[in-house]
Amino acid sequence: MGVPGTLVVLGVVVLATLFFGFMGAQPRPLFSLKPRWAPWRFLMLLGVIGIVAVLAHLVNMAQGG
């Protein structure tokens, strides 16, 4: 994967992580017995790990590896 493709993947992962963070920060109703639709905080954590991995890939490509 070249630099443009890697930057596209980085952009998608960053946008997804921002969305997960926004959804995880929404307050829940006080007396709601329904569970959350998705584990937003866990998905945000996975997004941050993905961002670090893509940035490491970009640094590796910049070093000629």
PDB file of N, CA and C in Angstrom:
ATOM      1  N   MET A   1       0.863  -1.173   0.000  1.00  0.00           N
ATOM      2  CA  MET A   1       0.000   0.000   0.000  1.00  0.00           C
ATOM      3  C   MET A   1       0.903   1.227   0.000  1.00  0.00           C
ATOM      4  N   GLY A   2       0.631   2.142  -0.892  1.00  0.00           N
ATOM      5  CA  GLY A   2       1.420   3.350  -1.002  1.00  0.00           C
ATOM      6  C   GLY A   2       0.988   4.415  -0.009  1.00  0.00           C
ATOM      7  N   VAL A   3       1.648   5.564  -0.131  1.00  0.00           N
ATOM      8  CA  VAL A   3       1.358   6.665   0.792  1.00  0.00           C
ATOM      9  C   VAL A   3      -0.071   7.183   0.635  1.00  0.00           C
ATOM     10  N   PRO A   4      -0.579   7.392  -0.593  1.00  0.00           N
ATOM     11  CA  PRO A   4      -1.964   7.894  -0.684  1.00  0.00           C
ATOM     12  C   PRO A   4      -2.997   6.945  -0.072  1.00  0.00           C
ATOM     13  N   GLY A   5      -2.829   5.667  -0.306  1.00  0.00           N
ATOM     14  CA  GLY A   5      -3.756   4.699   0.283  1.00  0.00           C
ATOM     15  C   GLY A   5      -3.672   4.663   1.798  1.00  0.00           C
ATOM     16  N   THR A   6      -2.447   4.793   2.304  1.00  0.00           N
ATOM     17  CA  THR A   6      -2.260   4.806   3.750  1.00  0.00           C
ATOM     18  C   THR A   6      -2.889   6.045   4.368  1.00  0.00           C
ATOM     19  N   LEU A   7      -2.769   7.182   3.695  1.00  0.00           N
ATOM     20  CA  LEU A   7      -3.382   8.406   4.208  1.00  0.00           C
ATOM     21  C   LEU A   7      -4.904   8.323   4.184  1.00  0.00           C
ATOM     22  N   VAL A   8      -5.457   7.663   3.188  1.00  0.00           N
ATOM     23  CA  VAL A   8      -6.912   7.467   3.140  1.00  0.00           C
ATOM     24  C   VAL A   8      -7.357   6.594   4.308  1.00  0.00           C
ATOM     25  N   VAL A   9      -6.625   5.513   4.555  1.00  0.00           N
ATOM     26  CA  VAL A   9      -6.957   4.637   5.683  1.00  0.00           C
ATOM     27  C   VAL A   9      -6.839   5.403   6.993  1.00  0.00           C
ATOM     28  N   LEU A  10      -5.795   6.224   7.130  1.00  0.00           N
ATOM     29  CA  LEU A  10      -5.621   7.023   8.341  1.00  0.00           C
ATOM     30  C   LEU A  10      -6.796   7.978   8.535  1.00  0.00           C
ATOM     31  N   GLY A  11      -7.232   8.625   7.469  1.00  0.00           N
ATOM     32  CA  GLY A  11      -8.370   9.538   7.565  1.00  0.00           C
ATOM     33  C   GLY A  11      -9.642   8.832   7.983  1.00  0.00           C
ATOM     34  N   VAL A  12      -9.886   7.664   7.424  1.00  0.00           N
ATOM     35  CA  VAL A  12     -11.088   6.904   7.764  1.00  0.00           C
ATOM     36  C   VAL A  12     -11.053   6.466   9.226  1.00  0.00           C
ATOM     37  N   VAL A  13      -9.893   6.000   9.680  1.00  0.00           N
ATOM     38  CA  VAL A  13      -9.773   5.544  11.066  1.00  0.00           C
ATOM     39  C   VAL A  13      -9.932   6.719  12.028  1.00  0.00           C
ATOM     40  N   VAL A  14      -9.369   7.878  11.689  1.00  0.00           N
ATOM     41  CA  VAL A  14      -9.506   9.055  12.555  1.00  0.00           C
ATOM     42  C   VAL A  14     -10.964   9.491  12.637  1.00  0.00           C
ATOM     43  N   LEU A  15     -11.656   9.541  11.501  1.00  0.00           N
ATOM     44  CA  LEU A  15     -13.067   9.931  11.518  1.00  0.00           C
ATOM     45  C   LEU A  15     -13.918   8.932  12.309  1.00  0.00           C
ATOM     46  N   ALA A  16     -13.647   7.654  12.139  1.00  0.00           N
ATOM     47  CA  ALA A  16     -14.397   6.642  12.889  1.00  0.00           C
ATOM     48  C   ALA A  16     -14.134   6.786  14.385  1.00  0.00           C
ATOM     49  N   THR A  17     -12.882   7.048  14.759  1.00  0.00           N
ATOM     50  CA  THR A  17     -12.548   7.191  16.176  1.00  0.00           C
ATOM     51  C   THR A  17     -13.222   8.427  16.763  1.00  0.00           C
ATOM     52  N   LEU A  18     -13.272   9.508  16.009  1.00  0.00           N
ATOM     53  CA  LEU A  18     -13.970  10.700  16.480  1.00  0.00           C
ATOM     54  C   LEU A  18     -15.456  10.421  16.675  1.00  0.00           C
ATOM     55  N   PHE A  19     -16.058   9.685  15.757  1.00  0.00           N
ATOM     56  CA  PHE A  19     -17.464   9.326  15.890  1.00  0.00           C
ATOM     57  C   PHE A  19     -17.692   8.458  17.123  1.00  0.00           C
ATOM     58  N   PHE A  20     -16.810   7.476  17.340  1.00  0.00           N
ATOM     59  CA  PHE A  20     -16.944   6.608  18.513  1.00  0.00           C
ATOM     60  C   PHE A  20     -16.808   7.414  19.794  1.00  0.00           C
ATOM     61  N   GLY A  21     -15.888   8.370  19.812  1.00  0.00           N
ATOM     62  CA  GLY A  21     -15.726   9.214  20.989  1.00  0.00           C
ATOM     63  C   GLY A  21     -16.943  10.075  21.249  1.00  0.00           C
ATOM     64  N   PHE A  22     -17.533  10.609  20.181  1.00  0.00           N
ATOM     65  CA  PHE A  22     -18.741  11.417  20.319  1.00  0.00           C
ATOM     66  C   PHE A  22     -19.892  10.585  20.867  1.00  0.00           C
ATOM     67  N   MET A  23     -20.076   9.396  20.323  1.00  0.00           N
ATOM     68  CA  MET A  23     -21.176   8.554  20.771  1.00  0.00           C
ATOM     69  C   MET A  23     -20.946   8.045  22.199  1.00  0.00           C
ATOM     70  N   GLY A  24     -19.705   7.792  22.569  1.00  0.00           N
ATOM     71  CA  GLY A  24     -19.413   7.333  23.914  1.00  0.00           C
ATOM     72  C   GLY A  24     -19.601   8.412  24.958  1.00  0.00           C
ATOM     73  N   ALA A  25     -19.546   9.674  24.549  1.00  0.00           N
ATOM     74  CA  ALA A  25     -19.688  10.787  25.485  1.00  0.00           C
ATOM     75  C   ALA A  25     -21.145  11.198  25.699  1.00  0.00           C
ATOM     76  N   GLN A  26     -22.072  10.622  24.959  1.00  0.00           N
ATOM     77  CA  GLN A  26     -23.476  10.974  25.113  1.00  0.00           C
ATOM     78  C   GLN A  26     -24.011  10.426  26.436  1.00  0.00           C
ATOM     79  N   PRO A  27     -24.751  11.256  27.169  1.00  0.00           N
ATOM     80  CA  PRO A  27     -25.275  10.769  28.454  1.00  0.00           C
ATOM     81  C   PRO A  27     -26.400   9.753  28.237  1.00  0.00           C
ATOM     82  N   ARG A  28     -26.496   8.836  29.176  1.00  0.00           N
ATOM     83  CA  ARG A  28     -27.581   7.860  29.144  1.00  0.00           C
ATOM     84  C   ARG A  28     -28.722   8.368  29.995  1.00  0.00           C
ATOM     85  N   PRO A  29     -29.948   8.025  29.664  1.00  0.00           N
ATOM     86  CA  PRO A  29     -31.066   8.361  30.553  1.00  0.00           C
ATOM     87  C   PRO A  29     -30.873   7.705  31.923  1.00  0.00           C
ATOM     88  N   LEU A  30     -31.317   8.377  32.963  1.00  0.00           N
ATOM     89  CA  LEU A  30     -31.057   7.901  34.318  1.00  0.00           C
ATOM     90  C   LEU A  30     -31.643   6.526  34.599  1.00  0.00           C
ATOM     91  N   PHE A  31     -32.867   6.311  34.206  1.00  0.00           N
ATOM     92  CA  PHE A  31     -33.544   5.064  34.551  1.00  0.00           C
ATOM     93  C   PHE A  31     -33.733   4.154  33.347  1.00  0.00           C
ATOM     94  N   SER A  32     -32.785   4.169  32.444  1.00  0.00           N
ATOM     95  CA  SER A  32     -32.870   3.331  31.257  1.00  0.00           C
ATOM     96  C   SER A  32     -32.327   1.939  31.571  1.00  0.00           C
ATOM     97  N   LEU A  33     -33.128   0.944  31.299  1.00  0.00           N
ATOM     98  CA  LEU A  33     -32.694  -0.432  31.512  1.00  0.00           C
ATOM     99  C   LEU A  33     -32.106  -1.041  30.244  1.00  0.00           C
ATOM    100  N   LYS A  34     -32.193  -0.301  29.145  1.00  0.00           N
ATOM    101  CA  LYS A  34     -31.676  -0.804  27.881  1.00  0.00           C
ATOM    102  C   LYS A  34     -30.158  -0.652  27.846  1.00  0.00           C
ATOM    103  N   PRO A  35     -29.467  -1.648  27.320  1.00  0.00           N
ATOM    104  CA  PRO A  35     -28.017  -1.501  27.182  1.00  0.00           C
ATOM    105  C   PRO A  35     -27.682  -0.568  26.015  1.00  0.00           C
ATOM    106  N   ARG A  36     -26.455  -0.091  25.986  1.00  0.00           N
ATOM    107  CA  ARG A  36     -26.020   0.739  24.863  1.00  0.00           C
ATOM    108  C   ARG A  36     -26.009  -0.102  23.596  1.00  0.00           C
ATOM    109  N   TRP A  37     -26.155   0.570  22.464  1.00  0.00           N
ATOM    110  CA  TRP A  37     -26.214  -0.129  21.197  1.00  0.00           C
ATOM    111  C   TRP A  37     -24.864  -0.759  20.850  1.00  0.00           C
ATOM    112  N   ALA A  38     -23.792  -0.079  21.205  1.00  0.00           N
ATOM    113  CA  ALA A  38     -22.449  -0.585  20.912  1.00  0.00           C
ATOM    114  C   ALA A  38     -21.509  -0.155  22.038  1.00  0.00           C
ATOM    115  N   PRO A  39     -20.430  -0.880  22.256  1.00  0.00           N
ATOM    116  CA  PRO A  39     -19.454  -0.483  23.280  1.00  0.00           C
ATOM    117  C   PRO A  39     -18.555   0.632  22.740  1.00  0.00           C
ATOM    118  N   TRP A  40     -19.048   1.866  22.768  1.00  0.00           N
ATOM    119  CA  TRP A  40     -18.383   2.977  22.094  1.00  0.00           C
ATOM    120  C   TRP A  40     -16.976   3.235  22.623  1.00  0.00           C
ATOM    121  N   ARG A  41     -16.784   3.130  23.922  1.00  0.00           N
ATOM    122  CA  ARG A  41     -15.454   3.411  24.487  1.00  0.00           C
ATOM    123  C   ARG A  41     -14.442   2.365  24.040  1.00  0.00           C
ATOM    124  N   PHE A  42     -14.851   1.121  23.977  1.00  0.00           N
ATOM    125  CA  PHE A  42     -13.958   0.073  23.499  1.00  0.00           C
ATOM    126  C   PHE A  42     -13.629   0.277  22.023  1.00  0.00           C
ATOM    127  N   LEU A  43     -14.630   0.656  21.223  1.00  0.00           N
ATOM    128  CA  LEU A  43     -14.378   0.918  19.810  1.00  0.00           C
ATOM    129  C   LEU A  43     -13.447   2.115  19.637  1.00  0.00           C
ATOM    130  N   MET A  44     -13.578   3.135  20.507  1.00  0.00           N
ATOM    131  CA  MET A  44     -12.682   4.273  20.453  1.00  0.00           C
ATOM    132  C   MET A  44     -11.252   3.837  20.768  1.00  0.00           C
ATOM    133  N   LEU A  45     -11.082   2.971  21.736  1.00  0.00           N
ATOM    134  CA  LEU A  45      -9.762   2.454  22.070  1.00  0.00           C
ATOM    135  C   LEU A  45      -9.163   1.682  20.895  1.00  0.00           C
ATOM    136  N   LEU A  46      -9.957   0.857  20.240  1.00  0.00           N
ATOM    137  CA  LEU A  46      -9.473   0.140  19.062  1.00  0.00           C
ATOM    138  C   LEU A  46      -9.092   1.108  17.941  1.00  0.00           C
ATOM    139  N   GLY A  47      -9.853   2.206  17.812  1.00  0.00           N
ATOM    140  CA  GLY A  47      -9.524   3.211  16.805  1.00  0.00           C
ATOM    141  C   GLY A  47      -8.187   3.881  17.082  1.00  0.00           C
ATOM    142  N   VAL A  48      -7.914   4.178  18.337  1.00  0.00           N
ATOM    143  CA  VAL A  48      -6.628   4.787  18.690  1.00  0.00           C
ATOM    144  C   VAL A  48      -5.483   3.817  18.406  1.00  0.00           C
ATOM    145  N   ILE A  49      -5.687   2.554  18.699  1.00  0.00           N
ATOM    146  CA  ILE A  49      -4.666   1.550  18.382  1.00  0.00           C
ATOM    147  C   ILE A  49      -4.454   1.481  16.871  1.00  0.00           C
ATOM    148  N   GLY A  50      -5.538   1.575  16.100  1.00  0.00           N
ATOM    149  CA  GLY A  50      -5.420   1.587  14.640  1.00  0.00           C
ATOM    150  C   GLY A  50      -4.672   2.813  14.134  1.00  0.00           C
ATOM    151  N   ILE A  51      -4.915   3.976  14.746  1.00  0.00           N
ATOM    152  CA  ILE A  51      -4.213   5.196  14.350  1.00  0.00           C
ATOM    153  C   ILE A  51      -2.717   5.041  14.597  1.00  0.00           C
ATOM    154  N   VAL A  52      -2.349   4.508  15.747  1.00  0.00           N
ATOM    155  CA  VAL A  52      -0.936   4.304  16.060  1.00  0.00           C
ATOM    156  C   VAL A  52      -0.303   3.328  15.067  1.00  0.00           C
ATOM    157  N   ALA A  53      -1.016   2.284  14.709  1.00  0.00           N
ATOM    158  CA  ALA A  53      -0.484   1.304  13.760  1.00  0.00           C
ATOM    159  C   ALA A  53      -0.276   1.924  12.378  1.00  0.00           C
ATOM    160  N   VAL A  54      -1.232   2.725  11.921  1.00  0.00           N
ATOM    161  CA  VAL A  54      -1.095   3.356  10.601  1.00  0.00           C
ATOM    162  C   VAL A  54       0.027   4.394  10.616  1.00  0.00           C
ATOM    163  N   LEU A  55       0.143   5.148  11.710  1.00  0.00           N
ATOM    164  CA  LEU A  55       1.243   6.106  11.803  1.00  0.00           C
ATOM    165  C   LEU A  55       2.592   5.393  11.830  1.00  0.00           C
ATOM    166  N   ALA A  56       2.680   4.262  12.506  1.00  0.00           N
ATOM    167  CA  ALA A  56       3.920   3.488  12.500  1.00  0.00           C
ATOM    168  C   ALA A  56       4.234   2.994  11.091  1.00  0.00           C
ATOM    169  N   HIS A  57       3.216   2.611  10.352  1.00  0.00           N
ATOM    170  CA  HIS A  57       3.408   2.183   8.962  1.00  0.00           C
ATOM    171  C   HIS A  57       3.918   3.343   8.105  1.00  0.00           C
ATOM    172  N   LEU A  58       3.363   4.545   8.313  1.00  0.00           N
ATOM    173  CA  LEU A  58       3.836   5.699   7.553  1.00  0.00           C
ATOM    174  C   LEU A  58       5.285   6.037   7.881  1.00  0.00           C
ATOM    175  N   VAL A  59       5.661   5.969   9.154  1.00  0.00           N
ATOM    176  CA  VAL A  59       7.055   6.238   9.542  1.00  0.00           C
ATOM    177  C   VAL A  59       7.969   5.191   8.930  1.00  0.00           C
ATOM    178  N   ASN A  60       7.539   3.949   8.919  1.00  0.00           N
ATOM    179  CA  ASN A  60       8.339   2.891   8.317  1.00  0.00           C
ATOM    180  C   ASN A  60       8.525   3.115   6.815  1.00  0.00           C
ATOM    181  N   MET A  61       7.470   3.578   6.153  1.00  0.00           N
ATOM    182  CA  MET A  61       7.599   3.853   4.716  1.00  0.00           C
ATOM    183  C   MET A  61       8.479   5.070   4.468  1.00  0.00           C
ATOM    184  N   ALA A  62       8.461   6.055   5.349  1.00  0.00           N
ATOM    185  CA  ALA A  62       9.291   7.236   5.175  1.00  0.00           C
ATOM    186  C   ALA A  62      10.765   6.909   5.368  1.00  0.00           C
ATOM    187  N   GLN A  63      11.056   5.909   6.173  1.00  0.00           N
ATOM    188  CA  GLN A  63      12.436   5.503   6.391  1.00  0.00           C
ATOM    189  C   GLN A  63      12.948   4.582   5.288  1.00  0.00           C
ATOM    190  N   GLY A  64      12.081   4.242   4.372  1.00  0.00           N
ATOM    191  CA  GLY A  64      12.501   3.420   3.243  1.00  0.00           C
ATOM    192  C   GLY A  64      12.388   1.925   3.495  1.00  0.00           C
ATOM    193  N   GLY A  65      11.587   1.545   4.469  1.00  0.00           N
ATOM    194  CA  GLY A  65      11.484   0.128   4.821  1.00  0.00           C
ATOM    195  C   GLY A  65      10.385  -0.595   4.172  1.00  0.00           C
TER     196      GLY A  65
END
